[in-house]
Amino acid sequence: MRKLSIHVAALALTALAATSPAKADYSLIRWQDTGYCEIWDNNIPTQPWSTNYTTIGSWLQAFPDALKAKGDLTRIGVCKF
């Protein structure tokens, strides 16, 4: 009976996690050697591999917002495509 209640609790937690919206925070990073800008997902528990980047836009709430910001910065010449 105890195993059954553990499985039921695990299923309930899984269902709860699946229905709650994921927090999606994004940053724009610009590579110093190439000028290329990249959208970085802050939910990834690591940093970009190399240290030759600068964060130019932080904590954008949604991917479309980050994509628009990257397009705007590319248009004015801050980022290269």
PDB file of N, CA and C in Angstrom:
ATOM      1  N   MET A   1       0.818  -1.193   0.000  1.00  0.00           N
ATOM      2  CA  MET A   1       0.000   0.000   0.000  1.00  0.00           C
ATOM      3  C   MET A   1       0.863   1.260   0.000  1.00  0.00           C
ATOM      4  N   ARG A   2       1.994   1.196   0.700  1.00  0.00           N
ATOM      5  CA  ARG A   2       2.856   2.365   0.752  1.00  0.00           C
ATOM      6  C   ARG A   2       3.440   2.686  -0.621  1.00  0.00           C
ATOM      7  N   LYS A   3       3.822   1.643  -1.377  1.00  0.00           N
ATOM      8  CA  LYS A   3       4.351   1.871  -2.727  1.00  0.00           C
ATOM      9  C   LYS A   3       3.307   2.550  -3.604  1.00  0.00           C
ATOM     10  N   LEU A   4       2.060   2.137  -3.453  1.00  0.00           N
ATOM     11  CA  LEU A   4       0.992   2.724  -4.240  1.00  0.00           C
ATOM     12  C   LEU A   4       0.843   4.213  -3.926  1.00  0.00           C
ATOM     13  N   SER A   5       0.884   4.582  -2.662  1.00  0.00           N
ATOM     14  CA  SER A   5       0.739   5.997  -2.313  1.00  0.00           C
ATOM     15  C   SER A   5       1.929   6.815  -2.798  1.00  0.00           C
ATOM     16  N   ILE A   6       3.128   6.238  -2.798  1.00  0.00           N
ATOM     17  CA  ILE A   6       4.303   6.939  -3.338  1.00  0.00           C
ATOM     18  C   ILE A   6       4.136   7.165  -4.829  1.00  0.00           C
ATOM     19  N   HIS A   7       3.644   6.167  -5.550  1.00  0.00           N
ATOM     20  CA  HIS A   7       3.427   6.316  -6.995  1.00  0.00           C
ATOM     21  C   HIS A   7       2.347   7.350  -7.294  1.00  0.00           C
ATOM     22  N   VAL A   8       1.290   7.345  -6.503  1.00  0.00           N
ATOM     23  CA  VAL A   8       0.217   8.322  -6.698  1.00  0.00           C
ATOM     24  C   VAL A   8       0.744   9.732  -6.438  1.00  0.00           C
ATOM     25  N   ALA A   9       1.551   9.909  -5.399  1.00  0.00           N
ATOM     26  CA  ALA A   9       2.126  11.225  -5.103  1.00  0.00           C
ATOM     27  C   ALA A   9       3.054  11.669  -6.225  1.00  0.00           C
ATOM     28  N   ALA A  10       3.851  10.755  -6.749  1.00  0.00           N
ATOM     29  CA  ALA A  10       4.749  11.096  -7.853  1.00  0.00           C
ATOM     30  C   ALA A  10       3.965  11.498  -9.100  1.00  0.00           C
ATOM     31  N   LEU A  11       2.897  10.784  -9.392  1.00  0.00           N
ATOM     32  CA  LEU A  11       2.060  11.146 -10.538  1.00  0.00           C
ATOM     33  C   LEU A  11       1.403  12.500 -10.340  1.00  0.00           C
ATOM     34  N   ALA A  12       0.964  12.791  -9.115  1.00  0.00           N
ATOM     35  CA  ALA A  12       0.341  14.089  -8.841  1.00  0.00           C
ATOM     36  C   ALA A  12       1.338  15.225  -9.021  1.00  0.00           C
ATOM     37  N   LEU A  13       2.573  15.031  -8.556  1.00  0.00           N
ATOM     38  CA  LEU A  13       3.596  16.068  -8.741  1.00  0.00           C
ATOM     39  C   LEU A  13       3.938  16.255 -10.209  1.00  0.00           C
ATOM     40  N   THR A  14       3.998  15.169 -10.955  1.00  0.00           N
ATOM     41  CA  THR A  14       4.275  15.259 -12.388  1.00  0.00           C
ATOM     42  C   THR A  14       3.166  16.014 -13.109  1.00  0.00           C
ATOM     43  N   ALA A  15       1.924  15.714 -12.754  1.00  0.00           N
ATOM     44  CA  ALA A  15       0.794  16.412 -13.377  1.00  0.00           C
ATOM     45  C   ALA A  15       0.800  17.888 -13.020  1.00  0.00           C
ATOM     46  N   LEU A  16       1.127  18.207 -11.779  1.00  0.00           N
ATOM     47  CA  LEU A  16       1.198  19.606 -11.366  1.00  0.00           C
ATOM     48  C   LEU A  16       2.298  20.350 -12.106  1.00  0.00           C
ATOM     49  N   ALA A  17       3.447  19.711 -12.258  1.00  0.00           N
ATOM     50  CA  ALA A  17       4.562  20.341 -12.969  1.00  0.00           C
ATOM     51  C   ALA A  17       4.237  20.539 -14.444  1.00  0.00           C
ATOM     52  N   ALA A  18       3.492  19.635 -15.017  1.00  0.00           N
ATOM     53  CA  ALA A  18       3.152  19.743 -16.440  1.00  0.00           C
ATOM     54  C   ALA A  18       2.143  20.846 -16.697  1.00  0.00           C
ATOM     55  N   THR A  19       1.298  21.157 -15.716  1.00  0.00           N
ATOM     56  CA  THR A  19       0.277  22.172 -15.942  1.00  0.00           C
ATOM     57  C   THR A  19       0.725  23.567 -15.556  1.00  0.00           C
ATOM     58  N   SER A  20       1.760  23.697 -14.730  1.00  0.00           N
ATOM     59  CA  SER A  20       2.223  25.033 -14.359  1.00  0.00           C
ATOM     60  C   SER A  20       3.119  25.575 -15.460  1.00  0.00           C
ATOM     61  N   PRO A  21       2.970  26.850 -15.810  1.00  0.00           N
ATOM     62  CA  PRO A  21       3.756  27.406 -16.906  1.00  0.00           C
ATOM     63  C   PRO A  21       5.233  27.507 -16.518  1.00  0.00           C
ATOM     64  N   ALA A  22       6.079  27.186 -17.469  1.00  0.00           N
ATOM     65  CA  ALA A  22       7.517  27.286 -17.243  1.00  0.00           C
ATOM     66  C   ALA A  22       7.929  28.751 -17.305  1.00  0.00           C
ATOM     67  N   LYS A  23       8.830  29.132 -16.449  1.00  0.00           N
ATOM     68  CA  LYS A  23       9.325  30.495 -16.468  1.00  0.00           C
ATOM     69  C   LYS A  23      10.418  30.569 -17.525  1.00  0.00           C
ATOM     70  N   ALA A  24      10.199  31.385 -18.510  1.00  0.00           N
ATOM     71  CA  ALA A  24      11.145  31.471 -19.617  1.00  0.00           C
ATOM     72  C   ALA A  24      11.827  32.829 -19.593  1.00  0.00           C
ATOM     73  N   ASP A  25      13.039  32.846 -19.128  1.00  0.00           N
ATOM     74  CA  ASP A  25      13.823  34.071 -19.110  1.00  0.00           C
ATOM     75  C   ASP A  25      14.946  33.939 -20.122  1.00  0.00           C
ATOM     76  N   TYR A  26      15.138  34.983 -20.895  1.00  0.00           N
ATOM     77  CA  TYR A  26      16.156  34.972 -21.937  1.00  0.00           C
ATOM     78  C   TYR A  26      17.041  36.198 -21.815  1.00  0.00           C
ATOM     79  N   SER A  27      18.265  36.069 -22.278  1.00  0.00           N
ATOM     80  CA  SER A  27      19.203  37.184 -22.360  1.00  0.00           C
ATOM     81  C   SER A  27      19.758  37.244 -23.763  1.00  0.00           C
ATOM     82  N   LEU A  28      20.204  38.418 -24.153  1.00  0.00           N
ATOM     83  CA  LEU A  28      20.940  38.566 -25.401  1.00  0.00           C
ATOM     84  C   LEU A  28      22.411  38.688 -25.047  1.00  0.00           C
ATOM     85  N   ILE A  29      23.220  37.867 -25.686  1.00  0.00           N
ATOM     86  CA  ILE A  29      24.662  37.976 -25.486  1.00  0.00           C
ATOM     87  C   ILE A  29      25.308  38.295 -26.824  1.00  0.00           C
ATOM     88  N   ARG A  30      26.368  39.083 -26.773  1.00  0.00           N
ATOM     89  CA  ARG A  30      27.095  39.488 -27.982  1.00  0.00           C
ATOM     90  C   ARG A  30      28.515  38.982 -27.858  1.00  0.00           C
ATOM     91  N   TRP A  31      28.943  38.186 -28.836  1.00  0.00           N
ATOM     92  CA  TRP A  31      30.306  37.655 -28.869  1.00  0.00           C
ATOM     93  C   TRP A  31      31.244  38.770 -29.298  1.00  0.00           C
ATOM     94  N   GLN A  32      32.281  39.022 -28.506  1.00  0.00           N
ATOM     95  CA  GLN A  32      33.172  40.156 -28.741  1.00  0.00           C
ATOM     96  C   GLN A  32      34.024  39.991 -29.991  1.00  0.00           C
ATOM     97  N   ASP A  33      34.415  38.778 -30.324  1.00  0.00           N
ATOM     98  CA  ASP A  33      35.304  38.610 -31.478  1.00  0.00           C
ATOM     99  C   ASP A  33      34.577  38.674 -32.823  1.00  0.00           C
ATOM    100  N   THR A  34      33.295  38.295 -32.857  1.00  0.00           N
ATOM    101  CA  THR A  34      32.579  38.301 -34.131  1.00  0.00           C
ATOM    102  C   THR A  34      31.477  39.349 -34.212  1.00  0.00           C
ATOM    103  N   GLY A  35      30.977  39.818 -33.073  1.00  0.00           N
ATOM    104  CA  GLY A  35      29.861  40.753 -33.066  1.00  0.00           C
ATOM    105  C   GLY A  35      28.512  40.074 -33.218  1.00  0.00           C
ATOM    106  N   TYR A  36      28.525  38.745 -33.312  1.00  0.00           N
ATOM    107  CA  TYR A  36      27.289  37.985 -33.452  1.00  0.00           C
ATOM    108  C   TYR A  36      26.530  37.998 -32.131  1.00  0.00           C
ATOM    109  N   CYS A  37      25.226  38.218 -32.189  1.00  0.00           N
ATOM    110  CA  CYS A  37      24.388  38.202 -30.996  1.00  0.00           C
ATOM    111  C   CYS A  37      23.579  36.908 -30.964  1.00  0.00           C
ATOM    112  N   GLU A  38      23.395  36.422 -29.766  1.00  0.00           N
ATOM    113  CA  GLU A  38      22.716  35.149 -29.577  1.00  0.00           C
ATOM    114  C   GLU A  38      21.709  35.277 -28.435  1.00  0.00           C
ATOM    115  N   ILE A  39      20.600  34.575 -28.565  1.00  0.00           N
ATOM    116  CA  ILE A  39      19.610  34.526 -27.499  1.00  0.00           C
ATOM    117  C   ILE A  39      19.997  33.373 -26.584  1.00  0.00           C
ATOM    118  N   TRP A  40      20.172  33.680 -25.299  1.00  0.00           N
ATOM    119  CA  TRP A  40      20.575  32.668 -24.339  1.00  0.00           C
ATOM    120  C   TRP A  40      19.413  32.380 -23.379  1.00  0.00           C
ATOM    121  N   ASP A  41      19.084  31.107 -23.244  1.00  0.00           N
ATOM    122  CA  ASP A  41      18.028  30.676 -22.336  1.00  0.00           C
ATOM    123  C   ASP A  41      18.602  30.588 -20.923  1.00  0.00           C
ATOM    124  N   ASN A  42      18.140  31.433 -20.014  1.00  0.00           N
ATOM    125  CA  ASN A  42      18.661  31.459 -18.650  1.00  0.00           C
ATOM    126  C   ASN A  42      18.208  30.275 -17.813  1.00  0.00           C
ATOM    127  N   ASN A  43      17.287  29.460 -18.330  1.00  0.00           N
ATOM    128  CA  ASN A  43      16.876  28.256 -17.624  1.00  0.00           C
ATOM    129  C   ASN A  43      17.903  27.140 -17.764  1.00  0.00           C
ATOM    130  N   ILE A  44      18.833  27.290 -18.697  1.00  0.00           N
ATOM    131  CA  ILE A  44      19.927  26.327 -18.828  1.00  0.00           C
ATOM    132  C   ILE A  44      20.876  26.581 -17.668  1.00  0.00           C
ATOM    133  N   PRO A  45      21.224  25.555 -16.911  1.00  0.00           N
ATOM    134  CA  PRO A  45      21.999  25.798 -15.685  1.00  0.00           C
ATOM    135  C   PRO A  45      23.484  26.055 -15.900  1.00  0.00           C
ATOM    136  N   THR A  46      23.902  26.345 -17.115  1.00  0.00           N
ATOM    137  CA  THR A  46      25.307  26.622 -17.393  1.00  0.00           C
ATOM    138  C   THR A  46      25.452  27.990 -18.033  1.00  0.00           C
ATOM    139  N   GLN A  47      26.666  28.439 -18.140  1.00  0.00           N
ATOM    140  CA  GLN A  47      26.992  29.680 -18.834  1.00  0.00           C
ATOM    141  C   GLN A  47      27.465  29.325 -20.243  1.00  0.00           C
ATOM    142  N   PRO A  48      27.494  30.290 -21.159  1.00  0.00           N
ATOM    143  CA  PRO A  48      28.083  30.023 -22.463  1.00  0.00           C
ATOM    144  C   PRO A  48      29.530  29.548 -22.305  1.00  0.00           C
ATOM    145  N   TRP A  49      29.982  28.747 -23.243  1.00  0.00           N
ATOM    146  CA  TRP A  49      31.250  28.047 -23.106  1.00  0.00           C
ATOM    147  C   TRP A  49      32.452  28.973 -22.973  1.00  0.00           C
ATOM    148  N   SER A  50      32.546  29.953 -23.787  1.00  0.00           N
ATOM    149  CA  SER A  50      33.682  30.863 -23.760  1.00  0.00           C
ATOM    150  C   SER A  50      33.322  32.111 -22.955  1.00  0.00           C
ATOM    151  N   THR A  51      34.323  32.859 -22.536  1.00  0.00           N
ATOM    152  CA  THR A  51      34.049  34.055 -21.729  1.00  0.00           C
ATOM    153  C   THR A  51      34.149  35.345 -22.531  1.00  0.00           C
ATOM    154  N   ASN A  52      34.284  35.255 -23.840  1.00  0.00           N
ATOM    155  CA  ASN A  52      34.431  36.471 -24.646  1.00  0.00           C
ATOM    156  C   ASN A  52      33.075  36.975 -25.152  1.00  0.00           C
ATOM    157  N   TYR A  53      32.134  37.108 -24.246  1.00  0.00           N
ATOM    158  CA  TYR A  53      30.820  37.645 -24.608  1.00  0.00           C
ATOM    159  C   TYR A  53      30.418  38.711 -23.604  1.00  0.00           C
ATOM    160  N   THR A  54      29.477  39.543 -24.029  1.00  0.00           N
ATOM    161  CA  THR A  54      28.911  40.578 -23.177  1.00  0.00           C
ATOM    162  C   THR A  54      27.403  40.404 -23.186  1.00  0.00           C
ATOM    163  N   THR A  55      26.781  40.489 -22.034  1.00  0.00           N
ATOM    164  CA  THR A  55      25.321  40.453 -21.959  1.00  0.00           C
ATOM    165  C   THR A  55      24.802  41.844 -22.269  1.00  0.00           C
ATOM    166  N   ILE A  56      23.966  41.949 -23.312  1.00  0.00           N
ATOM    167  CA  ILE A  56      23.472  43.260 -23.719  1.00  0.00           C
ATOM    168  C   ILE A  56      21.983  43.433 -23.463  1.00  0.00           C
ATOM    169  N   GLY A  57      21.281  42.370 -23.215  1.00  0.00           N
ATOM    170  CA  GLY A  57      19.868  42.446 -22.877  1.00  0.00           C
ATOM    171  C   GLY A  57      19.562  41.339 -21.898  1.00  0.00           C
ATOM    172  N   SER A  58      19.002  41.667 -20.760  1.00  0.00           N
ATOM    173  CA  SER A  58      18.807  40.653 -19.734  1.00  0.00           C
ATOM    174  C   SER A  58      17.346  40.444 -19.399  1.00  0.00           C
ATOM    175  N   TRP A  59      17.047  39.243 -19.050  1.00  0.00           N
ATOM    176  CA  TRP A  59      15.775  38.850 -18.475  1.00  0.00           C
ATOM    177  C   TRP A  59      14.572  39.266 -19.308  1.00  0.00           C
ATOM    178  N   LEU A  60      14.645  38.944 -20.575  1.00  0.00           N
ATOM    179  CA  LEU A  60      13.482  39.110 -21.442  1.00  0.00           C
ATOM    180  C   LEU A  60      12.545  37.943 -21.149  1.00  0.00           C
ATOM    181  N   GLN A  61      11.282  38.204 -20.973  1.00  0.00           N
ATOM    182  CA  GLN A  61      10.351  37.200 -20.458  1.00  0.00           C
ATOM    183  C   GLN A  61       9.963  36.126 -21.462  1.00  0.00           C
ATOM    184  N   ALA A  62       9.938  36.448 -22.731  1.00  0.00           N
ATOM    185  CA  ALA A  62       9.478  35.486 -23.730  1.00  0.00           C
ATOM    186  C   ALA A  62      10.443  35.466 -24.908  1.00  0.00           C
ATOM    187  N   PHE A  63      10.496  34.322 -25.582  1.00  0.00           N
ATOM    188  CA  PHE A  63      11.389  34.182 -26.724  1.00  0.00           C
ATOM    189  C   PHE A  63      11.064  35.179 -27.838  1.00  0.00           C
ATOM    190  N   PRO A  64       9.780  35.419 -28.159  1.00  0.00           N
ATOM    191  CA  PRO A  64       9.495  36.424 -29.194  1.00  0.00           C
ATOM    192  C   PRO A  64      10.018  37.819 -28.827  1.00  0.00           C
ATOM    193  N   ASP A  65       9.999  38.175 -27.531  1.00  0.00           N
ATOM    194  CA  ASP A  65      10.555  39.461 -27.105  1.00  0.00           C
ATOM    195  C   ASP A  65      12.063  39.502 -27.350  1.00  0.00           C
ATOM    196  N   ALA A  66      12.742  38.399 -27.047  1.00  0.00           N
ATOM    197  CA  ALA A  66      14.186  38.326 -27.266  1.00  0.00           C
ATOM    198  C   ALA A  66      14.510  38.372 -28.762  1.00  0.00           C
ATOM    199  N   LEU A  67      13.704  37.707 -29.558  1.00  0.00           N
ATOM    200  CA  LEU A  67      13.919  37.715 -31.006  1.00  0.00           C
ATOM    201  C   LEU A  67      13.720  39.105 -31.586  1.00  0.00           C
ATOM    202  N   LYS A  68      12.717  39.826 -31.098  1.00  0.00           N
ATOM    203  CA  LYS A  68      12.480  41.192 -31.561  1.00  0.00           C
ATOM    204  C   LYS A  68      13.631  42.107 -31.147  1.00  0.00           C
ATOM    205  N   ALA A  69      14.101  41.960 -29.912  1.00  0.00           N
ATOM    206  CA  ALA A  69      15.217  42.791 -29.451  1.00  0.00           C
ATOM    207  C   ALA A  69      16.473  42.506 -30.276  1.00  0.00           C
ATOM    208  N   LYS A  70      16.715  41.242 -30.593  1.00  0.00           N
ATOM    209  CA  LYS A  70      17.876  40.896 -31.418  1.00  0.00           C
ATOM    210  C   LYS A  70      17.739  41.506 -32.815  1.00  0.00           C
ATOM    211  N   GLY A  71      16.541  41.462 -33.384  1.00  0.00           N
ATOM    212  CA  GLY A  71      16.311  42.063 -34.695  1.00  0.00           C
ATOM    213  C   GLY A  71      16.517  43.561 -34.680  1.00  0.00           C
ATOM    214  N   ASP A  72      16.043  44.213 -33.633  1.00  0.00           N
ATOM    215  CA  ASP A  72      16.223  45.664 -33.507  1.00  0.00           C
ATOM    216  C   ASP A  72      17.704  46.029 -33.383  1.00  0.00           C
ATOM    217  N   LEU A  73      18.454  45.267 -32.578  1.00  0.00           N
ATOM    218  CA  LEU A  73      19.887  45.546 -32.410  1.00  0.00           C
ATOM    219  C   LEU A  73      20.676  45.238 -33.681  1.00  0.00           C
ATOM    220  N   THR A  74      20.233  44.266 -34.442  1.00  0.00           N
ATOM    221  CA  THR A  74      20.882  43.971 -35.724  1.00  0.00           C
ATOM    222  C   THR A  74      20.619  45.091 -36.711  1.00  0.00           C
ATOM    223  N   ARG A  75      19.409  45.611 -36.704  1.00  0.00           N
ATOM    224  CA  ARG A  75      19.024  46.675 -37.624  1.00  0.00           C
ATOM    225  C   ARG A  75      19.826  47.962 -37.381  1.00  0.00           C
ATOM    226  N   ILE A  76      20.123  48.273 -36.103  1.00  0.00           N
ATOM    227  CA  ILE A  76      20.865  49.499 -35.831  1.00  0.00           C
ATOM    228  C   ILE A  76      22.386  49.294 -35.796  1.00  0.00           C
ATOM    229  N   GLY A  77      22.817  48.048 -36.031  1.00  0.00           N
ATOM    230  CA  GLY A  77      24.251  47.795 -36.170  1.00  0.00           C
ATOM    231  C   GLY A  77      24.980  47.358 -34.911  1.00  0.00           C
ATOM    232  N   VAL A  78      24.288  47.152 -33.818  1.00  0.00           N
ATOM    233  CA  VAL A  78      24.949  46.686 -32.602  1.00  0.00           C
ATOM    234  C   VAL A  78      25.337  45.223 -32.757  1.00  0.00           C
ATOM    235  N   CYS A  79      24.474  44.444 -33.389  1.00  0.00           N
ATOM    236  CA  CYS A  79      24.715  43.017 -33.609  1.00  0.00           C
ATOM    237  C   CYS A  79      24.905  42.738 -35.086  1.00  0.00           C
ATOM    238  N   LYS A  80      25.698  41.727 -35.368  1.00  0.00           N
ATOM    239  CA  LYS A  80      25.803  41.234 -36.737  1.00  0.00           C
ATOM    240  C   LYS A  80      24.906  40.014 -36.860  1.00  0.00           C
ATOM    241  N   PHE A  81      24.423  39.779 -38.058  1.00  0.00           N
ATOM    242  CA  PHE A  81      23.538  38.653 -38.284  1.00  0.00           C
ATOM    243  C   PHE A  81      24.341  37.431 -38.389  1.00  0.00           C
TER     244      PHE A  81
END
